[in-house]
Amino acid sequence: ALAWLANHLAARGDGLEAGQLVLTGSLIKTVWLKPGDRVRMELDGLGTVEARFE
């Protein structure tokens, strides 16, 4: 996945830069959301984000 991303960006004249963080997977189970669902995520040191899906 990372090689594909690097090659795709290079083909567009872009690229990855030193120090960029690239996540190629997830550490949590996928939860499929539906209209009306609300989610909240809190990350120590980063803060909180909330979203409502309509």
PDB file of N, CA and C in Angstrom:
ATOM      1  N   ALA A   1       0.818  -1.187   0.000  1.00  0.00           N
ATOM      2  CA  ALA A   1       0.000   0.000   0.000  1.00  0.00           C
ATOM      3  C   ALA A   1       0.872   1.266   0.000  1.00  0.00           C
ATOM      4  N   LEU A   2       1.943   1.225   0.754  1.00  0.00           N
ATOM      5  CA  LEU A   2       2.817   2.395   0.818  1.00  0.00           C
ATOM      6  C   LEU A   2       3.543   2.605  -0.507  1.00  0.00           C
ATOM      7  N   ALA A   3       3.990   1.531  -1.126  1.00  0.00           N
ATOM      8  CA  ALA A   3       4.662   1.653  -2.427  1.00  0.00           C
ATOM      9  C   ALA A   3       3.698   2.197  -3.471  1.00  0.00           C
ATOM     10  N   TRP A   4       2.431   1.726  -3.461  1.00  0.00           N
ATOM     11  CA  TRP A   4       1.441   2.237  -4.401  1.00  0.00           C
ATOM     12  C   TRP A   4       1.257   3.735  -4.204  1.00  0.00           C
ATOM     13  N   LEU A   5       1.121   4.168  -2.951  1.00  0.00           N
ATOM     14  CA  LEU A   5       0.933   5.586  -2.667  1.00  0.00           C
ATOM     15  C   LEU A   5       2.109   6.405  -3.174  1.00  0.00           C
ATOM     16  N   ALA A   6       3.312   5.963  -2.890  1.00  0.00           N
ATOM     17  CA  ALA A   6       4.505   6.693  -3.338  1.00  0.00           C
ATOM     18  C   ALA A   6       4.555   6.772  -4.860  1.00  0.00           C
ATOM     19  N   ASN A   7       4.254   5.674  -5.539  1.00  0.00           N
ATOM     20  CA  ASN A   7       4.273   5.656  -7.000  1.00  0.00           C
ATOM     21  C   ASN A   7       3.160   6.522  -7.579  1.00  0.00           C
ATOM     22  N   HIS A   8       1.981   6.475  -6.987  1.00  0.00           N
ATOM     23  CA  HIS A   8       0.856   7.281  -7.448  1.00  0.00           C
ATOM     24  C   HIS A   8       1.165   8.773  -7.321  1.00  0.00           C
ATOM     25  N   LEU A   9       1.715   9.163  -6.197  1.00  0.00           N
ATOM     26  CA  LEU A   9       2.078  10.568  -6.005  1.00  0.00           C
ATOM     27  C   LEU A   9       3.169  10.991  -6.976  1.00  0.00           C
ATOM     28  N   ALA A  10       4.152  10.125  -7.182  1.00  0.00           N
ATOM     29  CA  ALA A  10       5.248  10.445  -8.102  1.00  0.00           C
ATOM     30  C   ALA A  10       4.732  10.650  -9.522  1.00  0.00           C
ATOM     31  N   ALA A  11       3.752   9.853  -9.923  1.00  0.00           N
ATOM     32  CA  ALA A  11       3.183   9.987 -11.269  1.00  0.00           C
ATOM     33  C   ALA A  11       2.479  11.327 -11.435  1.00  0.00           C
ATOM     34  N   ARG A  12       2.029  11.920 -10.339  1.00  0.00           N
ATOM     35  CA  ARG A  12       1.360  13.226 -10.381  1.00  0.00           C
ATOM     36  C   ARG A  12       2.341  14.372 -10.157  1.00  0.00           C
ATOM     37  N   GLY A  13       3.615  14.040  -9.991  1.00  0.00           N
ATOM     38  CA  GLY A  13       4.613  15.068  -9.733  1.00  0.00           C
ATOM     39  C   GLY A  13       4.707  15.459  -8.275  1.00  0.00           C
ATOM     40  N   ASP A  14       4.063  14.695  -7.402  1.00  0.00           N
ATOM     41  CA  ASP A  14       4.122  14.921  -5.966  1.00  0.00           C
ATOM     42  C   ASP A  14       4.960  13.820  -5.337  1.00  0.00           C
ATOM     43  N   GLY A  15       5.026  13.839  -4.037  1.00  0.00           N
ATOM     44  CA  GLY A  15       5.743  12.774  -3.353  1.00  0.00           C
ATOM     45  C   GLY A  15       5.576  12.877  -1.859  1.00  0.00           C
ATOM     46  N   LEU A  16       6.073  11.885  -1.188  1.00  0.00           N
ATOM     47  CA  LEU A  16       6.086  11.893   0.270  1.00  0.00           C
ATOM     48  C   LEU A  16       7.289  12.706   0.727  1.00  0.00           C
ATOM     49  N   GLU A  17       7.115  13.397   1.840  1.00  0.00           N
ATOM     50  CA  GLU A  17       8.201  14.213   2.364  1.00  0.00           C
ATOM     51  C   GLU A  17       8.731  13.613   3.655  1.00  0.00           C
ATOM     52  N   ALA A  18       9.988  13.856   3.927  1.00  0.00           N
ATOM     53  CA  ALA A  18      10.610  13.361   5.154  1.00  0.00           C
ATOM     54  C   ALA A  18       9.797  13.831   6.360  1.00  0.00           C
ATOM     55  N   GLY A  19       9.519  12.920   7.257  1.00  0.00           N
ATOM     56  CA  GLY A  19       8.791  13.257   8.469  1.00  0.00           C
ATOM     57  C   GLY A  19       7.291  13.054   8.377  1.00  0.00           C
ATOM     58  N   GLN A  20       6.766  12.827   7.170  1.00  0.00           N
ATOM     59  CA  GLN A  20       5.328  12.580   7.042  1.00  0.00           C
ATOM     60  C   GLN A  20       4.986  11.232   7.655  1.00  0.00           C
ATOM     61  N   LEU A  21       3.815  11.164   8.267  1.00  0.00           N
ATOM     62  CA  LEU A  21       3.323   9.929   8.860  1.00  0.00           C
ATOM     63  C   LEU A  21       2.297   9.334   7.911  1.00  0.00           C
ATOM     64  N   VAL A  22       2.483   8.085   7.527  1.00  0.00           N
ATOM     65  CA  VAL A  22       1.554   7.398   6.635  1.00  0.00           C
ATOM     66  C   VAL A  22       1.041   6.160   7.359  1.00  0.00           C
ATOM     67  N   LEU A  23      -0.267   6.096   7.545  1.00  0.00           N
ATOM     68  CA  LEU A  23      -0.889   4.934   8.172  1.00  0.00           C
ATOM     69  C   LEU A  23      -1.428   4.023   7.075  1.00  0.00           C
ATOM     70  N   THR A  24      -1.005   2.783   7.051  1.00  0.00           N
ATOM     71  CA  THR A  24      -1.435   1.861   6.000  1.00  0.00           C
ATOM     72  C   THR A  24      -2.478   0.874   6.498  1.00  0.00           C
ATOM     73  N   GLY A  25      -2.967   1.080   7.694  1.00  0.00           N
ATOM     74  CA  GLY A  25      -3.979   0.180   8.235  1.00  0.00           C
ATOM     75  C   GLY A  25      -4.625   0.806   9.445  1.00  0.00           C
ATOM     76  N   SER A  26      -5.339   0.007  10.174  1.00  0.00           N
ATOM     77  CA  SER A  26      -6.055   0.495  11.340  1.00  0.00           C
ATOM     78  C   SER A  26      -5.771  -0.396  12.542  1.00  0.00           C
ATOM     79  N   LEU A  27      -5.815   0.192  13.704  1.00  0.00           N
ATOM     80  CA  LEU A  27      -5.617  -0.564  14.935  1.00  0.00           C
ATOM     81  C   LEU A  27      -6.938  -0.922  15.603  1.00  0.00           C
ATOM     82  N   ILE A  28      -8.042  -0.464  15.011  1.00  0.00           N
ATOM     83  CA  ILE A  28      -9.354  -0.718  15.590  1.00  0.00           C
ATOM     84  C   ILE A  28     -10.273  -1.375  14.565  1.00  0.00           C
ATOM     85  N   LYS A  29     -11.318  -1.996  15.046  1.00  0.00           N
ATOM     86  CA  LYS A  29     -12.309  -2.632  14.190  1.00  0.00           C
ATOM     87  C   LYS A  29     -13.067  -1.552  13.403  1.00  0.00           C
ATOM     88  N   THR A  30     -13.367  -1.822  12.142  1.00  0.00           N
ATOM     89  CA  THR A  30     -14.154  -0.907  11.335  1.00  0.00           C
ATOM     90  C   THR A  30     -15.591  -0.893  11.826  1.00  0.00           C
ATOM     91  N   VAL A  31     -16.134   0.301  12.008  1.00  0.00           N
ATOM     92  CA  VAL A  31     -17.531   0.469  12.399  1.00  0.00           C
ATOM     93  C   VAL A  31     -18.212   1.234  11.278  1.00  0.00           C
ATOM     94  N   TRP A  32     -19.189   0.616  10.627  1.00  0.00           N
ATOM     95  CA  TRP A  32     -19.890   1.256   9.521  1.00  0.00           C
ATOM     96  C   TRP A  32     -20.967   2.160  10.083  1.00  0.00           C
ATOM     97  N   LEU A  33     -20.950   3.417   9.669  1.00  0.00           N
ATOM     98  CA  LEU A  33     -21.886   4.405  10.180  1.00  0.00           C
ATOM     99  C   LEU A  33     -23.081   4.545   9.251  1.00  0.00           C
ATOM    100  N   LYS A  34     -24.187   4.991   9.840  1.00  0.00           N
ATOM    101  CA  LYS A  34     -25.392   5.221   9.057  1.00  0.00           C
ATOM    102  C   LYS A  34     -25.919   6.619   9.374  1.00  0.00           C
ATOM    103  N   PRO A  35     -26.829   7.144   8.551  1.00  0.00           N
ATOM    104  CA  PRO A  35     -27.365   8.480   8.805  1.00  0.00           C
ATOM    105  C   PRO A  35     -27.917   8.596  10.231  1.00  0.00           C
ATOM    106  N   GLY A  36     -27.585   9.717  10.863  1.00  0.00           N
ATOM    107  CA  GLY A  36     -28.019   9.964  12.233  1.00  0.00           C
ATOM    108  C   GLY A  36     -27.003   9.575  13.285  1.00  0.00           C
ATOM    109  N   ASP A  37     -26.000   8.794  12.914  1.00  0.00           N
ATOM    110  CA  ASP A  37     -24.966   8.389  13.876  1.00  0.00           C
ATOM    111  C   ASP A  37     -24.087   9.575  14.247  1.00  0.00           C
ATOM    112  N   ARG A  38     -23.635   9.570  15.487  1.00  0.00           N
ATOM    113  CA  ARG A  38     -22.683  10.579  15.968  1.00  0.00           C
ATOM    114  C   ARG A  38     -21.477   9.839  16.532  1.00  0.00           C
ATOM    115  N   VAL A  39     -20.314  10.374  16.288  1.00  0.00           N
ATOM    116  CA  VAL A  39     -19.094   9.769  16.821  1.00  0.00           C
ATOM    117  C   VAL A  39     -18.262  10.836  17.512  1.00  0.00           C
ATOM    118  N   ARG A  40     -17.486  10.403  18.477  1.00  0.00           N
ATOM    119  CA  ARG A  40     -16.593  11.297  19.219  1.00  0.00           C
ATOM    120  C   ARG A  40     -15.298  10.534  19.461  1.00  0.00           C
ATOM    121  N   MET A  41     -14.186  11.190  19.214  1.00  0.00           N
ATOM    122  CA  MET A  41     -12.883  10.561  19.430  1.00  0.00           C
ATOM    123  C   MET A  41     -12.036  11.508  20.273  1.00  0.00           C
ATOM    124  N   GLU A  42     -11.434  10.958  21.310  1.00  0.00           N
ATOM    125  CA  GLU A  42     -10.537  11.730  22.164  1.00  0.00           C
ATOM    126  C   GLU A  42      -9.147  11.100  22.105  1.00  0.00           C
ATOM    127  N   LEU A  43      -8.150  11.916  21.830  1.00  0.00           N
ATOM    128  CA  LEU A  43      -6.768  11.455  21.774  1.00  0.00           C
ATOM    129  C   LEU A  43      -5.929  12.297  22.721  1.00  0.00           C
ATOM    130  N   ASP A  44      -5.315  11.642  23.691  1.00  0.00           N
ATOM    131  CA  ASP A  44      -4.466  12.355  24.631  1.00  0.00           C
ATOM    132  C   ASP A  44      -3.407  13.151  23.884  1.00  0.00           C
ATOM    133  N   GLY A  45      -3.261  14.391  24.244  1.00  0.00           N
ATOM    134  CA  GLY A  45      -2.252  15.244  23.637  1.00  0.00           C
ATOM    135  C   GLY A  45      -2.690  15.896  22.339  1.00  0.00           C
ATOM    136  N   LEU A  46      -3.776  15.408  21.736  1.00  0.00           N
ATOM    137  CA  LEU A  46      -4.243  15.979  20.474  1.00  0.00           C
ATOM    138  C   LEU A  46      -5.593  16.667  20.616  1.00  0.00           C
ATOM    139  N   GLY A  47      -6.459  16.149  21.464  1.00  0.00           N
ATOM    140  CA  GLY A  47      -7.763  16.766  21.656  1.00  0.00           C
ATOM    141  C   GLY A  47      -8.908  15.864  21.271  1.00  0.00           C
ATOM    142  N   THR A  48     -10.052  16.487  21.007  1.00  0.00           N
ATOM    143  CA  THR A  48     -11.295  15.776  20.743  1.00  0.00           C
ATOM    144  C   THR A  48     -11.887  16.232  19.419  1.00  0.00           C
ATOM    145  N   VAL A  49     -12.498  15.294  18.703  1.00  0.00           N
ATOM    146  CA  VAL A  49     -13.212  15.618  17.471  1.00  0.00           C
ATOM    147  C   VAL A  49     -14.561  14.886  17.530  1.00  0.00           C
ATOM    148  N   GLU A  50     -15.595  15.564  17.059  1.00  0.00           N
ATOM    149  CA  GLU A  50     -16.941  14.971  17.007  1.00  0.00           C
ATOM    150  C   GLU A  50     -17.503  15.165  15.624  1.00  0.00           C
ATOM    151  N   ALA A  51     -18.335  14.211  15.175  1.00  0.00           N
ATOM    152  CA  ALA A  51     -18.982  14.331  13.873  1.00  0.00           C
ATOM    153  C   ALA A  51     -20.354  13.677  13.935  1.00  0.00           C
ATOM    154  N   ARG A  52     -21.274  14.245  13.173  1.00  0.00           N
ATOM    155  CA  ARG A  52     -22.610  13.674  13.026  1.00  0.00           C
ATOM    156  C   ARG A  52     -22.819  13.385  11.552  1.00  0.00           C
ATOM    157  N   PHE A  53     -23.307  12.207  11.244  1.00  0.00           N
ATOM    158  CA  PHE A  53     -23.485  11.795   9.861  1.00  0.00           C
ATOM    159  C   PHE A  53     -24.961  11.848   9.487  1.00  0.00           C
ATOM    160  N   GLU A  54     -25.254  12.571   8.417  1.00  0.00           N
ATOM    161  CA  GLU A  54     -26.641  12.738   7.991  1.00  0.00           C
ATOM    162  C   GLU A  54     -26.887  12.063   6.668  1.00  0.00           C
TER     163      GLU A  54
END
